[in-house]
Structures are given as structure tokens and as C-alpha cells.
């Protein structure tokens, strides 16, 4: 008589993901702040370039800035 052993295996596959609401809200907040910061930075750069053009160059821009700050 032969000795045989039957082995039963059960394989479960799948993924389970639980999304935490506070994590998703935090991500949305970070992205919103990043977009707002980028928009403010681009606006500031545009104002700086506009000031350079209106002053007539970088040296005139610095000179006009010192005159405006000192009240001359």
C-alpha cells in the first residue's frame, strides 16, 4: 500500500485599499496651496519685469526704487 497525502491549498488574490478622507483632504489642500503659490510667484515676476521695462533697465530700476524708498 502506498502512502499518499492530499494537500489542499487555497489562493486568494486581490487588493484592498482604504482611503482615509482626512488624507485626501490634506492632499487637496497641499495642491491648492501649491497652485496659489505658483500663481503669486508668476504674478510677482511679471510685476518685476514690468517695472524693469518701465524704468528703462535694471540700473534705472534700482535707482528709482532707492528714490521711492528714501523719498527723494
PDB file of N, CA and C in Angstrom:
ATOM      1  N   UNK A   1       0.822  -1.157   0.000  1.00  0.00           N
ATOM      2  CA  UNK A   1       0.000   0.000   0.000  1.00  0.00           C
ATOM      3  C   UNK A   1       0.885   1.246   0.000  1.00  0.00           C
ATOM      4  N   UNK A   2       0.515   2.159  -0.853  1.00  0.00           N
ATOM      5  CA  UNK A   2       1.276   3.398  -0.958  1.00  0.00           C
ATOM      6  C   UNK A   2       0.700   4.427   0.011  1.00  0.00           C
ATOM      7  N   UNK A   3       1.587   5.195   0.615  1.00  0.00           N
ATOM      8  CA  UNK A   3       1.142   6.280   1.478  1.00  0.00           C
ATOM      9  C   UNK A   3       1.040   7.571   0.668  1.00  0.00           C
ATOM     10  N   UNK A   4      -0.142   8.095   0.517  1.00  0.00           N
ATOM     11  CA  UNK A   4      -0.336   9.364  -0.212  1.00  0.00           C
ATOM     12  C   UNK A   4      -0.954  10.393   0.729  1.00  0.00           C
ATOM     13  N   UNK A   5      -0.570  11.601   0.458  1.00  0.00           N
ATOM     14  CA  UNK A   5      -1.111  12.706   1.240  1.00  0.00           C
ATOM     15  C   UNK A   5      -1.737  13.707   0.289  1.00  0.00           C
ATOM     16  N   UNK A   6      -2.933  14.054   0.545  1.00  0.00           N
ATOM     17  CA  UNK A   6      -3.607  15.080  -0.249  1.00  0.00           C
ATOM     18  C   UNK A   6      -3.460  16.420   0.467  1.00  0.00           C
ATOM     19  N   UNK A   7      -2.947  17.409  -0.274  1.00  0.00           N
ATOM     20  CA  UNK A   7      -2.777  18.751   0.282  1.00  0.00           C
ATOM     21  C   UNK A   7      -3.676  19.692  -0.499  1.00  0.00           C
ATOM     22  N   UNK A   8      -4.521  20.378   0.216  1.00  0.00           N
ATOM     23  CA  UNK A   8      -5.393  21.360  -0.414  1.00  0.00           C
ATOM     24  C   UNK A   8      -4.842  22.744  -0.095  1.00  0.00           C
ATOM     25  N   UNK A   9      -4.703  23.535  -1.138  1.00  0.00           N
ATOM     26  CA  UNK A   9      -4.259  24.911  -0.946  1.00  0.00           C
ATOM     27  C   UNK A   9      -5.300  25.837  -1.548  1.00  0.00           C
ATOM     28  N   UNK A  10      -5.476  26.932  -0.880  1.00  0.00           N
ATOM     29  CA  UNK A  10      -6.412  27.931  -1.363  1.00  0.00           C
ATOM     30  C   UNK A  10      -5.645  29.236  -1.520  1.00  0.00           C
ATOM     31  N   UNK A  11      -5.724  29.796  -2.710  1.00  0.00           N
ATOM     32  CA  UNK A  11      -5.009  31.025  -3.008  1.00  0.00           C
ATOM     33  C   UNK A  11      -6.029  32.138  -3.186  1.00  0.00           C
ATOM     34  N   UNK A  12      -5.820  33.207  -2.440  1.00  0.00           N
ATOM     35  CA  UNK A  12      -6.686  34.374  -2.575  1.00  0.00           C
ATOM     36  C   UNK A  12      -5.856  35.515  -3.135  1.00  0.00           C
ATOM     37  N   UNK A  13      -6.361  36.100  -4.163  1.00  0.00           N
ATOM     38  CA  UNK A  13      -5.683  37.256  -4.743  1.00  0.00           C
ATOM     39  C   UNK A  13      -6.651  38.420  -4.759  1.00  0.00           C
ATOM     40  N   UNK A  14      -6.129  39.576  -4.656  1.00  0.00           N
ATOM     41  CA  UNK A  14      -6.949  40.785  -4.680  1.00  0.00           C
ATOM     42  C   UNK A  14      -6.260  41.867  -3.875  1.00  0.00           C
ATOM     43  N   UNK A  15      -6.753  43.037  -4.044  1.00  0.00           N
ATOM     44  CA  UNK A  15      -6.205  44.162  -3.303  1.00  0.00           C
ATOM     45  C   UNK A  15      -7.330  44.868  -2.585  1.00  0.00           C
ATOM     46  N   UNK A  16      -6.991  45.409  -1.470  1.00  0.00           N
ATOM     47  CA  UNK A  16      -7.956  46.175  -0.707  1.00  0.00           C
ATOM     48  C   UNK A  16      -7.286  47.488  -0.326  1.00  0.00           C
ATOM     49  N   UNK A  17      -7.955  48.569  -0.635  1.00  0.00           N
ATOM     50  CA  UNK A  17      -7.382  49.875  -0.330  1.00  0.00           C
ATOM     51  C   UNK A  17      -8.430  50.707   0.390  1.00  0.00           C
ATOM     52  N   UNK A  18      -8.048  51.166   1.527  1.00  0.00           N
ATOM     53  CA  UNK A  18      -8.928  52.029   2.299  1.00  0.00           C
ATOM     54  C   UNK A  18      -8.382  53.447   2.208  1.00  0.00           C
ATOM     55  N   UNK A  19      -9.154  54.343   1.639  1.00  0.00           N
ATOM     56  CA  UNK A  19      -8.728  55.731   1.519  1.00  0.00           C
ATOM     57  C   UNK A  19      -9.255  56.502   2.716  1.00  0.00           C
ATOM     58  N   UNK A  20      -8.347  57.122   3.401  1.00  0.00           N
ATOM     59  CA  UNK A  20      -8.711  57.924   4.556  1.00  0.00           C
ATOM     60  C   UNK A  20      -9.127  59.308   4.061  1.00  0.00           C
ATOM     61  N   UNK A  21     -10.267  59.781   4.483  1.00  0.00           N
ATOM     62  CA  UNK A  21     -10.796  61.052   3.994  1.00  0.00           C
ATOM     63  C   UNK A  21      -9.885  62.207   4.384  1.00  0.00           C
ATOM     64  N   UNK A  22      -9.364  62.188   5.582  1.00  0.00           N
ATOM     65  CA  UNK A  22      -8.501  63.293   6.015  1.00  0.00           C
ATOM     66  C   UNK A  22      -7.208  63.350   5.195  1.00  0.00           C
ATOM     67  N   UNK A  23      -6.704  62.199   4.771  1.00  0.00           N
ATOM     68  CA  UNK A  23      -5.515  62.197   3.916  1.00  0.00           C
ATOM     69  C   UNK A  23      -5.813  62.827   2.564  1.00  0.00           C
ATOM     70  N   UNK A  24      -6.958  62.498   1.998  1.00  0.00           N
ATOM     71  CA  UNK A  24      -7.322  63.051   0.689  1.00  0.00           C
ATOM     72  C   UNK A  24      -7.577  64.549   0.775  1.00  0.00           C
ATOM     73  N   UNK A  25      -8.193  64.995   1.849  1.00  0.00           N
ATOM     74  CA  UNK A  25      -8.432  66.429   2.036  1.00  0.00           C
ATOM     75  C   UNK A  25      -7.097  67.148   2.210  1.00  0.00           C
ATOM     76  N   UNK A  26      -6.177  66.534   2.931  1.00  0.00           N
ATOM     77  CA  UNK A  26      -4.855  67.138   3.114  1.00  0.00           C
ATOM     78  C   UNK A  26      -4.122  67.263   1.780  1.00  0.00           C
ATOM     79  N   UNK A  27      -4.214  66.236   0.953  1.00  0.00           N
ATOM     80  CA  UNK A  27      -3.572  66.294  -0.360  1.00  0.00           C
ATOM     81  C   UNK A  27      -4.168  67.403  -1.211  1.00  0.00           C
ATOM     82  N   UNK A  28      -5.492  67.527  -1.184  1.00  0.00           N
ATOM     83  CA  UNK A  28      -6.151  68.579  -1.960  1.00  0.00           C
ATOM     84  C   UNK A  28      -5.730  69.952  -1.445  1.00  0.00           C
ATOM     85  N   UNK A  29      -5.590  70.090  -0.140  1.00  0.00           N
ATOM     86  CA  UNK A  29      -5.149  71.362   0.432  1.00  0.00           C
ATOM     87  C   UNK A  29      -3.728  71.704   0.023  1.00  0.00           C
ATOM     88  N   UNK A  30      -2.862  70.719   0.024  1.00  0.00           N
ATOM     89  CA  UNK A  30      -1.464  70.958  -0.374  1.00  0.00           C
ATOM     90  C   UNK A  30      -1.396  71.368  -1.844  1.00  0.00           C
ATOM     91  N   UNK A  31      -2.147  70.688  -2.691  1.00  0.00           N
ATOM     92  CA  UNK A  31      -2.149  71.042  -4.116  1.00  0.00           C
ATOM     93  C   UNK A  31      -2.724  72.434  -4.339  1.00  0.00           C
ATOM     94  N   UNK A  32      -3.757  72.794  -3.606  1.00  0.00           N
ATOM     95  CA  UNK A  32      -4.351  74.122  -3.750  1.00  0.00           C
ATOM     96  C   UNK A  32      -3.369  75.209  -3.338  1.00  0.00           C
ATOM     97  N   UNK A  33      -2.681  74.997  -2.231  1.00  0.00           N
ATOM     98  CA  UNK A  33      -1.701  75.973  -1.769  1.00  0.00           C
ATOM     99  C   UNK A  33      -0.532  76.068  -2.753  1.00  0.00           C
ATOM    100  N   UNK A  34      -0.119  74.939  -3.322  1.00  0.00           N
ATOM    101  CA  UNK A  34       0.980  74.952  -4.293  1.00  0.00           C
ATOM    102  C   UNK A  34       0.592  75.729  -5.549  1.00  0.00           C
ATOM    103  N   UNK A  35      -0.620  75.535  -6.025  1.00  0.00           N
ATOM    104  CA  UNK A  35      -1.072  76.257  -7.229  1.00  0.00           C
ATOM    105  C   UNK A  35      -1.181  77.750  -6.938  1.00  0.00           C
ATOM    106  N   UNK A  36      -1.722  78.107  -5.771  1.00  0.00           N
ATOM    107  CA  UNK A  36      -1.833  79.516  -5.410  1.00  0.00           C
ATOM    108  C   UNK A  36      -0.447  80.151  -5.273  1.00  0.00           C
ATOM    109  N   UNK A  37       0.492  79.431  -4.693  1.00  0.00           N
ATOM    110  CA  UNK A  37       1.859  79.953  -4.550  1.00  0.00           C
ATOM    111  C   UNK A  37       2.519  80.160  -5.911  1.00  0.00           C
ATOM    112  N   UNK A  38       2.301  79.232  -6.806  1.00  0.00           N
ATOM    113  CA  UNK A  38       2.862  79.375  -8.156  1.00  0.00           C
ATOM    114  C   UNK A  38       2.257  80.580  -8.869  1.00  0.00           C
ATOM    115  N   UNK A  39       0.953  80.767  -8.729  1.00  0.00           N
ATOM    116  CA  UNK A  39       0.303  81.914  -9.373  1.00  0.00           C
ATOM    117  C   UNK A  39       0.820  83.233  -8.803  1.00  0.00           C
ATOM    118  N   UNK A  40       1.009  83.300  -7.482  1.00  0.00           N
ATOM    119  CA  UNK A  40       1.532  84.517  -6.858  1.00  0.00           C
ATOM    120  C   UNK A  40       2.970  84.765  -7.307  1.00  0.00           C
ATOM    121  N   UNK A  41       3.773  83.720  -7.417  1.00  0.00           N
ATOM    122  CA  UNK A  41       5.150  83.870  -7.888  1.00  0.00           C
ATOM    123  C   UNK A  41       5.235  84.354  -9.317  1.00  0.00           C
ATOM    124  N   UNK A  42       4.379  83.824 -10.173  1.00  0.00           N
ATOM    125  CA  UNK A  42       4.363  84.264 -11.577  1.00  0.00           C
ATOM    126  C   UNK A  42       3.913  85.714 -11.663  1.00  0.00           C
ATOM    127  N   UNK A  43       2.919  86.093 -10.852  1.00  0.00           N
ATOM    128  CA  UNK A  43       2.445  87.478 -10.828  1.00  0.00           C
ATOM    129  C   UNK A  43       3.564  88.418 -10.365  1.00  0.00           C
ATOM    130  N   UNK A  44       4.291  88.036  -9.332  1.00  0.00           N
ATOM    131  CA  UNK A  44       5.400  88.850  -8.841  1.00  0.00           C
ATOM    132  C   UNK A  44       6.501  89.014  -9.885  1.00  0.00           C
ATOM    133  N   UNK A  45       6.807  87.939 -10.590  1.00  0.00           N
ATOM    134  CA  UNK A  45       7.811  88.020 -11.653  1.00  0.00           C
ATOM    135  C   UNK A  45       7.345  88.939 -12.775  1.00  0.00           C
ATOM    136  N   UNK A  46       6.074  88.858 -13.133  1.00  0.00           N
ATOM    137  CA  UNK A  46       5.536  89.727 -14.183  1.00  0.00           C
ATOM    138  C   UNK A  46       5.600  91.196 -13.750  1.00  0.00           C
ATOM    139  N   UNK A  47       5.307  91.473 -12.481  1.00  0.00           N
ATOM    140  CA  UNK A  47       5.394  92.856 -11.982  1.00  0.00           C
ATOM    141  C   UNK A  47       6.841  93.347 -11.981  1.00  0.00           C
ATOM    142  N   UNK A  48       7.761  92.489 -11.614  1.00  0.00           N
ATOM    143  CA  UNK A  48       9.178  92.859 -11.611  1.00  0.00           C
ATOM    144  C   UNK A  48       9.659  93.183 -13.018  1.00  0.00           C
ATOM    145  N   UNK A  49       9.310  92.348 -13.977  1.00  0.00           N
ATOM    146  CA  UNK A  49       9.714  92.591 -15.369  1.00  0.00           C
ATOM    147  C   UNK A  49       9.049  93.865 -15.889  1.00  0.00           C
ATOM    148  N   UNK A  50       7.787  94.090 -15.549  1.00  0.00           N
ATOM    149  CA  UNK A  50       7.114  95.322 -15.960  1.00  0.00           C
ATOM    150  C   UNK A  50       7.789  96.551 -15.386  1.00  0.00           C
ATOM    151  N   UNK A  51       8.230  96.479 -14.135  1.00  0.00           N
ATOM    152  CA  UNK A  51       8.951  97.589 -13.531  1.00  0.00           C
ATOM    153  C   UNK A  51      10.289  97.839 -14.200  1.00  0.00           C
ATOM    154  N   UNK A  52      10.972  96.763 -14.558  1.00  0.00           N
ATOM    155  CA  UNK A  52      12.253  96.925 -15.267  1.00  0.00           C
ATOM    156  C   UNK A  52      12.050  97.611 -16.614  1.00  0.00           C
ATOM    157  N   UNK A  53      11.030  97.196 -17.329  1.00  0.00           N
ATOM    158  CA  UNK A  53      10.761  97.780 -18.650  1.00  0.00           C
ATOM    159  C   UNK A  53      10.345  99.236 -18.507  1.00  0.00           C
ATOM    160  N   UNK A  54       9.486  99.548 -17.542  1.00  0.00           N
ATOM    161  CA  UNK A  54       9.007 100.914 -17.369  1.00  0.00           C
ATOM    162  C   UNK A  54      10.115 101.856 -16.896  1.00  0.00           C
ATOM    163  N   UNK A  55      11.084 101.340 -16.146  1.00  0.00           N
ATOM    164  CA  UNK A  55      12.166 102.180 -15.628  1.00  0.00           C
ATOM    165  C   UNK A  55      13.233 102.454 -16.665  1.00  0.00           C
ATOM    166  N   UNK A  56      13.374 101.589 -17.614  1.00  0.00           N
ATOM    167  CA  UNK A  56      14.398 101.786 -18.627  1.00  0.00           C
ATOM    168  C   UNK A  56      15.623 100.904 -18.428  1.00  0.00           C
ATOM    169  N   UNK A  57      15.547  99.912 -17.586  1.00  0.00           N
ATOM    170  CA  UNK A  57      16.662  98.995 -17.395  1.00  0.00           C
ATOM    171  C   UNK A  57      16.882  98.693 -15.929  1.00  0.00           C
ATOM    172  N   UNK A  58      17.793  97.753 -15.661  1.00  0.00           N
ATOM    173  CA  UNK A  58      17.998  97.341 -14.273  1.00  0.00           C
ATOM    174  C   UNK A  58      18.608  98.426 -13.386  1.00  0.00           C
ATOM    175  N   UNK A  59      19.546  99.202 -13.915  1.00  0.00           N
ATOM    176  CA  UNK A  59      20.174 100.245 -13.091  1.00  0.00           C
ATOM    177  C   UNK A  59      19.191 101.360 -12.784  1.00  0.00           C
ATOM    178  N   UNK A  60      18.419 101.762 -13.765  1.00  0.00           N
ATOM    179  CA  UNK A  60      17.400 102.788 -13.531  1.00  0.00           C
ATOM    180  C   UNK A  60      16.341 102.274 -12.560  1.00  0.00           C
ATOM    181  N   UNK A  61      16.023 100.982 -12.649  1.00  0.00           N
ATOM    182  CA  UNK A  61      15.044 100.383 -11.749  1.00  0.00           C
ATOM    183  C   UNK A  61      15.516 100.474 -10.306  1.00  0.00           C
ATOM    184  N   UNK A  62      16.772 100.109 -10.055  1.00  0.00           N
ATOM    185  CA  UNK A  62      17.323 100.167  -8.694  1.00  0.00           C
ATOM    186  C   UNK A  62      17.382 101.616  -8.215  1.00  0.00           C
ATOM    187  N   UNK A  63      17.808 102.523  -9.086  1.00  0.00           N
ATOM    188  CA  UNK A  63      17.879 103.941  -8.711  1.00  0.00           C
ATOM    189  C   UNK A  63      16.509 104.504  -8.378  1.00  0.00           C
ATOM    190  N   UNK A  64      15.512 104.184  -9.201  1.00  0.00           N
ATOM    191  CA  UNK A  64      14.157 104.659  -8.929  1.00  0.00           C
ATOM    192  C   UNK A  64      13.605 104.046  -7.641  1.00  0.00           C
ATOM    193  N   UNK A  65      13.962 102.814  -7.361  1.00  0.00           N
ATOM    194  CA  UNK A  65      13.497 102.167  -6.122  1.00  0.00           C
ATOM    195  C   UNK A  65      14.074 102.877  -4.909  1.00  0.00           C
ATOM    196  N   UNK A  66      15.392 103.205  -4.948  1.00  0.00           N
ATOM    197  CA  UNK A  66      16.003 103.909  -3.819  1.00  0.00           C
ATOM    198  C   UNK A  66      15.394 105.288  -3.648  1.00  0.00           C
ATOM    199  N   UNK A  67      15.098 105.973  -4.757  1.00  0.00           N
ATOM    200  CA  UNK A  67      14.470 107.287  -4.662  1.00  0.00           C
ATOM    201  C   UNK A  67      13.072 107.174  -4.053  1.00  0.00           C
ATOM    202  N   UNK A  68      12.340 106.142  -4.421  1.00  0.00           N
ATOM    203  CA  UNK A  68      10.978 105.968  -3.886  1.00  0.00           C
ATOM    204  C   UNK A  68      11.018 105.639  -2.396  1.00  0.00           C
ATOM    205  N   UNK A  69      11.964 104.800  -1.978  1.00  0.00           N
ATOM    206  CA  UNK A  69      12.037 104.399  -0.578  1.00  0.00           C
ATOM    207  C   UNK A  69      12.545 105.543   0.292  1.00  0.00           C
ATOM    208  N   UNK A  70      13.529 106.289  -0.192  1.00  0.00           N
ATOM    209  CA  UNK A  70      14.113 107.350   0.618  1.00  0.00           C
ATOM    210  C   UNK A  70      13.291 108.642   0.558  1.00  0.00           C
ATOM    211  N   UNK A  71      12.409 108.792  -0.409  1.00  0.00           N
ATOM    212  CA  UNK A  71      11.561 109.978  -0.509  1.00  0.00           C
ATOM    213  C   UNK A  71      12.212 111.115  -1.248  1.00  0.00           C
ATOM    214  N   UNK A  72      13.204 110.853  -2.006  1.00  0.00           N
ATOM    215  CA  UNK A  72      13.889 111.914  -2.769  1.00  0.00           C
ATOM    216  C   UNK A  72      13.174 112.234  -4.039  1.00  0.00           C
TER     217      UNK A  72
END
